[in-house]
Protein backbone atom coordinates (compact mmCIF):
# COMPACT_ATOMS: atom_id res chain seq x y z
CA UNK A 1 -17.22 8.11 -1.25
CA UNK A 2 -15.15 4.92 -1.58
CA UNK A 3 -13.27 3.04 1.08
CA UNK A 4 -9.81 4.16 2.14
CA UNK A 5 -6.93 2.00 3.37
CA UNK A 6 -3.80 3.31 5.09
CA UNK A 7 -0.79 0.99 5.29
CA UNK A 8 2.02 1.88 7.67
CA UNK A 9 5.38 0.75 6.29
CA UNK A 10 6.23 0.70 2.61
CA UNK A 11 8.64 -2.23 2.76
CA UNK A 12 7.99 -5.61 1.19
CA UNK A 13 5.08 -6.42 3.51
CA UNK A 14 3.44 -3.02 2.99
CA UNK A 15 3.68 -3.30 -0.78
CA UNK A 16 2.32 -6.82 -0.66
CA UNK A 17 -0.59 -5.70 1.54
CA UNK A 18 -1.36 -2.86 -0.88
CA UNK A 19 -1.29 -5.20 -3.88
CA UNK A 20 -3.55 -7.71 -2.14
CA UNK A 21 -5.99 -4.98 -1.11
CA UNK A 22 -6.07 -3.65 -4.69
CA UNK A 23 -6.75 -7.14 -6.08
CA UNK A 24 -9.58 -7.56 -3.58
CA UNK A 25 -11.18 -4.18 -4.34
CA UNK A 26 -9.86 -2.14 -7.29
CA UNK A 27 -11.82 0.93 -6.17
CA UNK A 28 -9.94 1.33 -2.85
CA UNK A 29 -7.98 4.50 -2.17
CA UNK A 30 -4.68 3.13 -0.81
CA UNK A 31 -2.09 5.24 1.03
CA UNK A 32 1.34 3.87 2.00
CA UNK A 33 3.16 5.70 4.79
CA UNK A 34 6.93 5.25 5.11
CA UNK A 35 9.27 6.84 7.64
CA UNK A 36 12.17 7.17 5.20
CA UNK A 37 12.19 9.07 1.92
CA UNK A 38 12.97 5.90 -0.07
CA UNK A 39 10.43 3.19 -0.75
CA UNK A 40 11.46 -0.44 -1.22
CA UNK A 41 11.00 -1.76 -4.77
CA UNK A 42 11.67 -5.15 -6.28
CA UNK A 43 12.34 -6.13 -9.88
């Protein structure tokens, strides 16, 4: 079983942390948890 990462907060910092974790280890299972129903996205 692979490693799992849970990131609390899906704002800019959470998305950045997820991207950095993915670059460091593409096999990670990453879960973002956000309080609101919308997730921040940037173009």
